[in-house]
Amino acid sequence: MNPLPTTSLGPIGGGGGFGPFNIIGPDAVATIRNISTLLSNLVGFITILSGLWFGFQFIMGALQWLSSGGEKAGLEGARNRMIHAFIGLIMVAGALAIIAVMATVFSLDILLTNPEKIACQLNPTIVDKSVCK
């Protein structure tokens, strides 16, 4: 009986790297910086978009209120639209507050204001210690 030929594929992932990115050294800090910039920009964009949506819905509710002509159903619909817009804005602000509280409680930089600190905590083998402040 002939054994099947075997081929060594080597170590999976290439060794001890930085998390799923398998990067060590200053490149790990650059990768975290890029990811944190992307996430910070995304959170900022969504926050601005939600503020604009609130303004649009509130103005549309006000116009609906004015054009209702005293009709009870129109007034109620306009009032509900304005209230729902305000509740949505409060929910966005509340979500940002919860993220900030979680960041404080768990000593994490969830809002990504200091990506270098995250990289240094996750990978103590970073060669350039000047980025670890």
N, C-alpha and C. Protein backbone atom coordinates (compact mmCIF):
# COMPACT_ATOMS: atom_id res chain seq x y z
N MET A 1 0.83 -1.17 0.00
CA MET A 1 0.00 0.00 0.00
C MET A 1 0.88 1.25 0.00
N ASN A 2 0.70 2.11 -1.01
CA ASN A 2 1.49 3.33 -1.13
C ASN A 2 0.85 4.46 -0.33
N PRO A 3 1.64 5.13 0.52
CA PRO A 3 1.07 6.28 1.21
C PRO A 3 0.88 7.45 0.24
N LEU A 4 -0.08 8.24 0.52
CA LEU A 4 -0.34 9.42 -0.31
C LEU A 4 0.79 10.42 -0.15
N PRO A 5 1.19 11.10 -1.24
CA PRO A 5 2.24 12.10 -1.09
C PRO A 5 1.73 13.28 -0.26
N THR A 6 2.59 13.79 0.57
CA THR A 6 2.21 14.93 1.40
C THR A 6 3.08 16.12 1.04
N THR A 7 2.48 17.27 1.13
CA THR A 7 3.20 18.51 0.88
C THR A 7 2.98 19.43 2.06
N SER A 8 4.06 19.95 2.59
CA SER A 8 3.95 20.87 3.71
C SER A 8 3.58 22.26 3.18
N LEU A 9 2.52 22.81 3.72
CA LEU A 9 2.08 24.14 3.32
C LEU A 9 2.70 25.22 4.19
N GLY A 10 3.42 24.83 5.19
CA GLY A 10 4.03 25.81 6.08
C GLY A 10 3.05 26.26 7.13
N PRO A 11 3.49 27.15 8.00
CA PRO A 11 2.60 27.62 9.06
C PRO A 11 1.47 28.48 8.48
N ILE A 12 0.29 28.24 8.97
CA ILE A 12 -0.87 29.01 8.52
C ILE A 12 -0.78 30.40 9.10
N GLY A 13 -0.93 31.39 8.28
CA GLY A 13 -0.90 32.77 8.73
C GLY A 13 0.49 33.37 8.80
N GLY A 14 1.51 32.56 8.65
CA GLY A 14 2.86 33.09 8.59
C GLY A 14 3.49 33.47 9.92
N GLY A 15 2.93 33.07 11.04
CA GLY A 15 3.56 33.34 12.31
C GLY A 15 2.86 34.41 13.11
N GLY A 16 3.55 34.87 14.16
CA GLY A 16 2.96 35.81 15.10
C GLY A 16 2.87 37.21 14.56
N GLY A 17 1.73 37.53 14.08
CA GLY A 17 1.54 38.87 13.55
C GLY A 17 0.56 39.65 14.39
N PHE A 18 0.08 40.71 13.84
CA PHE A 18 -0.84 41.61 14.52
C PHE A 18 -2.27 41.21 14.20
N GLY A 19 -2.89 40.43 15.06
CA GLY A 19 -4.29 40.06 14.90
C GLY A 19 -4.56 39.43 13.56
N PRO A 20 -5.72 39.69 12.99
CA PRO A 20 -6.07 39.07 11.72
C PRO A 20 -5.29 39.66 10.54
N PHE A 21 -4.60 40.77 10.74
CA PHE A 21 -3.89 41.41 9.65
C PHE A 21 -2.50 40.81 9.46
N ASN A 22 -2.02 40.06 10.46
CA ASN A 22 -0.71 39.42 10.42
C ASN A 22 0.39 40.44 10.10
N ILE A 23 0.35 41.55 10.77
CA ILE A 23 1.32 42.62 10.55
C ILE A 23 1.98 42.94 11.88
N ILE A 24 3.29 43.12 11.86
CA ILE A 24 3.98 43.53 13.08
C ILE A 24 4.78 44.78 12.78
N GLY A 25 5.16 45.47 13.83
CA GLY A 25 5.99 46.65 13.69
C GLY A 25 5.20 47.90 13.32
N PRO A 26 5.89 48.88 12.74
CA PRO A 26 5.24 50.15 12.41
C PRO A 26 4.08 49.99 11.43
N ASP A 27 4.13 48.94 10.59
CA ASP A 27 3.02 48.71 9.65
C ASP A 27 1.72 48.44 10.38
N ALA A 28 1.79 47.85 11.57
CA ALA A 28 0.58 47.59 12.35
C ALA A 28 -0.06 48.90 12.77
N VAL A 29 0.74 49.86 13.17
CA VAL A 29 0.22 51.16 13.57
C VAL A 29 -0.41 51.85 12.36
N ALA A 30 0.23 51.77 11.22
CA ALA A 30 -0.32 52.39 10.01
C ALA A 30 -1.65 51.74 9.62
N THR A 31 -1.75 50.42 9.76
CA THR A 31 -2.99 49.73 9.43
C THR A 31 -4.10 50.15 10.37
N ILE A 32 -3.82 50.20 11.66
CA ILE A 32 -4.83 50.64 12.62
C ILE A 32 -5.22 52.08 12.36
N ARG A 33 -4.26 52.91 12.03
CA ARG A 33 -4.54 54.32 11.73
C ARG A 33 -5.48 54.43 10.53
N ASN A 34 -5.25 53.62 9.51
CA ASN A 34 -6.10 53.65 8.32
C ASN A 34 -7.51 53.17 8.65
N ILE A 35 -7.62 52.10 9.42
CA ILE A 35 -8.93 51.57 9.80
C ILE A 35 -9.66 52.57 10.69
N SER A 36 -8.94 53.16 11.64
CA SER A 36 -9.58 54.12 12.54
C SER A 36 -10.03 55.36 11.79
N THR A 37 -9.25 55.78 10.81
CA THR A 37 -9.65 56.93 10.00
C THR A 37 -10.91 56.62 9.22
N LEU A 38 -10.97 55.43 8.65
CA LEU A 38 -12.16 55.02 7.90
C LEU A 38 -13.38 54.98 8.81
N LEU A 39 -13.25 54.36 9.98
CA LEU A 39 -14.39 54.26 10.90
C LEU A 39 -14.79 55.62 11.45
N SER A 40 -13.82 56.46 11.78
CA SER A 40 -14.14 57.79 12.28
C SER A 40 -14.88 58.60 11.22
N ASN A 41 -14.40 58.51 9.99
CA ASN A 41 -15.07 59.22 8.90
C ASN A 41 -16.48 58.69 8.67
N LEU A 42 -16.64 57.37 8.77
CA LEU A 42 -17.96 56.77 8.59
C LEU A 42 -18.93 57.21 9.68
N VAL A 43 -18.48 57.20 10.93
CA VAL A 43 -19.33 57.65 12.03
C VAL A 43 -19.68 59.13 11.87
N GLY A 44 -18.70 59.95 11.50
CA GLY A 44 -18.96 61.36 11.28
C GLY A 44 -19.93 61.60 10.14
N PHE A 45 -19.77 60.85 9.05
CA PHE A 45 -20.67 61.00 7.91
C PHE A 45 -22.10 60.62 8.27
N ILE A 46 -22.25 59.50 8.98
CA ILE A 46 -23.59 59.06 9.38
C ILE A 46 -24.22 60.06 10.35
N THR A 47 -23.43 60.64 11.24
CA THR A 47 -23.95 61.63 12.17
C THR A 47 -24.43 62.88 11.43
N ILE A 48 -23.63 63.34 10.50
CA ILE A 48 -24.02 64.51 9.71
C ILE A 48 -25.25 64.20 8.87
N LEU A 49 -25.27 63.02 8.27
CA LEU A 49 -26.42 62.61 7.46
C LEU A 49 -27.70 62.54 8.30
N SER A 50 -27.60 62.04 9.52
CA SER A 50 -28.78 61.97 10.38
C SER A 50 -29.25 63.37 10.78
N GLY A 51 -28.32 64.30 11.00
CA GLY A 51 -28.70 65.68 11.30
C GLY A 51 -29.41 66.34 10.13
N LEU A 52 -28.90 66.10 8.92
CA LEU A 52 -29.56 66.64 7.73
C LEU A 52 -30.95 66.03 7.53
N TRP A 53 -31.05 64.72 7.78
CA TRP A 53 -32.35 64.06 7.65
C TRP A 53 -33.35 64.61 8.67
N PHE A 54 -32.88 64.88 9.89
CA PHE A 54 -33.74 65.49 10.88
C PHE A 54 -34.24 66.84 10.39
N GLY A 55 -33.34 67.67 9.90
CA GLY A 55 -33.73 68.99 9.40
C GLY A 55 -34.75 68.89 8.27
N PHE A 56 -34.52 67.98 7.34
CA PHE A 56 -35.45 67.80 6.23
C PHE A 56 -36.82 67.36 6.72
N GLN A 57 -36.85 66.35 7.60
CA GLN A 57 -38.13 65.85 8.10
C GLN A 57 -38.86 66.90 8.93
N PHE A 58 -38.11 67.66 9.70
CA PHE A 58 -38.73 68.69 10.54
C PHE A 58 -39.33 69.80 9.67
N ILE A 59 -38.60 70.21 8.65
CA ILE A 59 -39.12 71.25 7.73
C ILE A 59 -40.33 70.72 6.96
N MET A 60 -40.27 69.47 6.52
CA MET A 60 -41.42 68.89 5.81
C MET A 60 -42.64 68.81 6.72
N GLY A 61 -42.41 68.48 7.99
CA GLY A 61 -43.51 68.45 8.96
C GLY A 61 -44.09 69.83 9.18
N ALA A 62 -43.23 70.84 9.23
CA ALA A 62 -43.70 72.21 9.41
C ALA A 62 -44.51 72.67 8.20
N LEU A 63 -44.04 72.34 7.00
CA LEU A 63 -44.79 72.68 5.79
C LEU A 63 -46.12 71.94 5.73
N GLN A 64 -46.11 70.69 6.15
CA GLN A 64 -47.35 69.91 6.20
C GLN A 64 -48.33 70.55 7.21
N TRP A 65 -47.80 71.03 8.31
CA TRP A 65 -48.62 71.69 9.33
C TRP A 65 -49.28 72.95 8.74
N LEU A 66 -48.45 73.74 8.03
CA LEU A 66 -48.98 74.97 7.45
C LEU A 66 -50.01 74.71 6.35
N SER A 67 -49.79 73.65 5.59
CA SER A 67 -50.69 73.38 4.47
C SER A 67 -51.90 72.53 4.86
N SER A 68 -52.00 72.15 6.14
CA SER A 68 -53.13 71.31 6.56
C SER A 68 -54.43 72.09 6.58
N GLY A 69 -54.35 73.38 6.71
CA GLY A 69 -55.55 74.21 6.70
C GLY A 69 -56.45 73.97 7.88
N GLY A 70 -55.91 73.58 9.01
CA GLY A 70 -56.72 73.35 10.20
C GLY A 70 -57.37 71.98 10.24
N GLU A 71 -57.13 71.14 9.23
CA GLU A 71 -57.70 69.79 9.21
C GLU A 71 -57.00 68.95 10.28
N LYS A 72 -57.81 68.27 11.09
CA LYS A 72 -57.27 67.56 12.25
C LYS A 72 -56.30 66.45 11.83
N ALA A 73 -56.62 65.69 10.81
CA ALA A 73 -55.75 64.59 10.37
C ALA A 73 -54.41 65.13 9.85
N GLY A 74 -54.46 66.24 9.11
CA GLY A 74 -53.23 66.85 8.60
C GLY A 74 -52.35 67.38 9.70
N LEU A 75 -52.97 68.02 10.69
CA LEU A 75 -52.20 68.53 11.83
C LEU A 75 -51.54 67.40 12.62
N GLU A 76 -52.29 66.34 12.83
CA GLU A 76 -51.75 65.20 13.58
C GLU A 76 -50.61 64.53 12.83
N GLY A 77 -50.76 64.39 11.52
CA GLY A 77 -49.69 63.79 10.72
C GLY A 77 -48.42 64.64 10.75
N ALA A 78 -48.61 65.96 10.64
CA ALA A 78 -47.45 66.86 10.69
C ALA A 78 -46.78 66.82 12.05
N ARG A 79 -47.58 66.83 13.09
CA ARG A 79 -47.03 66.78 14.45
C ARG A 79 -46.27 65.49 14.67
N ASN A 80 -46.83 64.37 14.21
CA ASN A 80 -46.15 63.08 14.36
C ASN A 80 -44.84 63.04 13.59
N ARG A 81 -44.83 63.61 12.39
CA ARG A 81 -43.60 63.64 11.60
C ARG A 81 -42.51 64.42 12.32
N MET A 82 -42.86 65.55 12.89
CA MET A 82 -41.89 66.37 13.60
C MET A 82 -41.41 65.68 14.87
N ILE A 83 -42.31 65.05 15.58
CA ILE A 83 -41.94 64.33 16.81
C ILE A 83 -41.02 63.16 16.49
N HIS A 84 -41.35 62.40 15.43
CA HIS A 84 -40.52 61.25 15.06
C HIS A 84 -39.13 61.68 14.60
N ALA A 85 -39.05 62.82 13.91
CA ALA A 85 -37.74 63.34 13.51
C ALA A 85 -36.91 63.68 14.74
N PHE A 86 -37.53 64.32 15.72
CA PHE A 86 -36.82 64.69 16.94
C PHE A 86 -36.39 63.46 17.72
N ILE A 87 -37.26 62.45 17.79
CA ILE A 87 -36.91 61.21 18.50
C ILE A 87 -35.72 60.53 17.81
N GLY A 88 -35.71 60.53 16.48
CA GLY A 88 -34.58 59.95 15.75
C GLY A 88 -33.27 60.66 16.05
N LEU A 89 -33.33 61.98 16.13
CA LEU A 89 -32.13 62.75 16.45
C LEU A 89 -31.65 62.44 17.87
N ILE A 90 -32.57 62.31 18.79
CA ILE A 90 -32.22 61.96 20.18
C ILE A 90 -31.60 60.56 20.23
N MET A 91 -32.11 59.64 19.42
CA MET A 91 -31.54 58.29 19.40
C MET A 91 -30.11 58.28 18.88
N VAL A 92 -29.82 59.07 17.87
CA VAL A 92 -28.45 59.16 17.35
C VAL A 92 -27.52 59.74 18.42
N ALA A 93 -27.95 60.81 19.07
CA ALA A 93 -27.14 61.40 20.14
C ALA A 93 -26.95 60.41 21.29
N GLY A 94 -28.00 59.66 21.62
CA GLY A 94 -27.90 58.66 22.68
C GLY A 94 -26.92 57.55 22.32
N ALA A 95 -26.92 57.12 21.06
CA ALA A 95 -25.98 56.08 20.63
C ALA A 95 -24.54 56.56 20.77
N LEU A 96 -24.28 57.79 20.38
CA LEU A 96 -22.93 58.33 20.54
C LEU A 96 -22.54 58.44 22.01
N ALA A 97 -23.50 58.80 22.86
CA ALA A 97 -23.22 58.88 24.30
C ALA A 97 -22.93 57.50 24.88
N ILE A 98 -23.68 56.50 24.46
CA ILE A 98 -23.44 55.13 24.94
C ILE A 98 -22.05 54.65 24.51
N ILE A 99 -21.67 54.94 23.28
CA ILE A 99 -20.33 54.56 22.82
C ILE A 99 -19.26 55.24 23.67
N ALA A 100 -19.46 56.51 23.98
CA ALA A 100 -18.48 57.24 24.80
C ALA A 100 -18.39 56.66 26.21
N VAL A 101 -19.54 56.30 26.81
CA VAL A 101 -19.54 55.71 28.15
C VAL A 101 -18.85 54.35 28.13
N MET A 102 -19.16 53.53 27.11
CA MET A 102 -18.50 52.22 27.00
C MET A 102 -16.99 52.38 26.87
N ALA A 103 -16.57 53.36 26.11
CA ALA A 103 -15.14 53.60 25.94
C ALA A 103 -14.49 53.96 27.27
N THR A 104 -15.18 54.74 28.08
CA THR A 104 -14.63 55.12 29.38
C THR A 104 -14.61 53.95 30.35
N VAL A 105 -15.70 53.20 30.41
CA VAL A 105 -15.81 52.08 31.34
C VAL A 105 -14.79 50.99 31.04
N PHE A 106 -14.62 50.66 29.76
CA PHE A 106 -13.73 49.56 29.39
C PHE A 106 -12.33 50.04 29.00
N SER A 107 -12.06 51.32 29.19
CA SER A 107 -10.76 51.91 28.85
C SER A 107 -10.36 51.59 27.42
N LEU A 108 -11.32 51.70 26.52
CA LEU A 108 -11.07 51.45 25.11
C LEU A 108 -11.22 52.76 24.35
N ASP A 109 -10.63 52.78 23.19
CA ASP A 109 -10.73 53.96 22.35
C ASP A 109 -11.71 53.65 21.22
N ILE A 110 -12.97 53.42 21.59
CA ILE A 110 -13.98 53.01 20.62
C ILE A 110 -14.25 54.11 19.61
N LEU A 111 -14.20 55.35 20.04
CA LEU A 111 -14.43 56.45 19.10
C LEU A 111 -13.19 56.76 18.27
N LEU A 112 -12.14 55.97 18.47
CA LEU A 112 -10.95 55.99 17.64
C LEU A 112 -10.27 57.34 17.59
N THR A 113 -10.07 57.90 18.76
CA THR A 113 -9.37 59.18 18.81
C THR A 113 -7.87 59.00 18.97
N ASN A 114 -7.42 57.77 19.31
CA ASN A 114 -6.00 57.51 19.49
C ASN A 114 -5.67 56.11 18.99
N PRO A 115 -5.58 55.89 17.67
CA PRO A 115 -5.35 54.54 17.14
C PRO A 115 -3.98 53.98 17.49
N GLU A 116 -2.99 54.85 17.67
CA GLU A 116 -1.66 54.36 18.00
C GLU A 116 -1.66 53.64 19.35
N LYS A 117 -2.44 54.14 20.30
CA LYS A 117 -2.51 53.51 21.62
C LYS A 117 -3.10 52.10 21.50
N ILE A 118 -4.11 51.93 20.65
CA ILE A 118 -4.70 50.61 20.44
C ILE A 118 -3.65 49.67 19.87
N ALA A 119 -2.91 50.11 18.86
CA ALA A 119 -1.89 49.26 18.24
C ALA A 119 -0.83 48.86 19.24
N CYS A 120 -0.41 49.77 20.10
CA CYS A 120 0.62 49.47 21.09
C CYS A 120 0.11 48.49 22.15
N GLN A 121 -1.17 48.60 22.53
CA GLN A 121 -1.73 47.68 23.52
C GLN A 121 -1.88 46.28 22.94
N LEU A 122 -2.26 46.18 21.68
CA LEU A 122 -2.48 44.88 21.07
C LEU A 122 -1.19 44.20 20.64
N ASN A 123 -0.17 44.96 20.32
CA ASN A 123 1.07 44.40 19.83
C ASN A 123 2.26 45.04 20.55
N PRO A 124 2.67 44.44 21.66
CA PRO A 124 3.78 45.02 22.43
C PRO A 124 5.12 44.90 21.74
N THR A 125 5.23 44.17 20.61
CA THR A 125 6.50 44.00 19.92
C THR A 125 6.76 45.07 18.88
N ILE A 126 6.01 46.17 18.93
CA ILE A 126 6.22 47.25 17.96
C ILE A 126 7.63 47.80 18.16
N VAL A 127 8.35 47.88 17.05
CA VAL A 127 9.74 48.31 17.11
C VAL A 127 9.86 49.79 17.42
N ASP A 128 9.04 50.61 16.76
CA ASP A 128 9.12 52.06 16.95
C ASP A 128 8.24 52.45 18.14
N LYS A 129 8.84 52.55 19.31
CA LYS A 129 8.10 52.87 20.54
C LYS A 129 7.70 54.33 20.63
N SER A 130 8.17 55.17 19.71
CA SER A 130 7.81 56.57 19.77
C SER A 130 6.33 56.79 19.47
N VAL A 131 5.68 55.83 18.79
CA VAL A 131 4.25 55.96 18.51
C VAL A 131 3.41 55.56 19.71
N CYS A 132 4.01 54.88 20.68
CA CYS A 132 3.29 54.44 21.87
C CYS A 132 3.41 55.51 22.95
N LYS A 133 2.38 56.32 23.07
CA LYS A 133 2.43 57.42 24.04
C LYS A 133 1.49 57.16 25.17
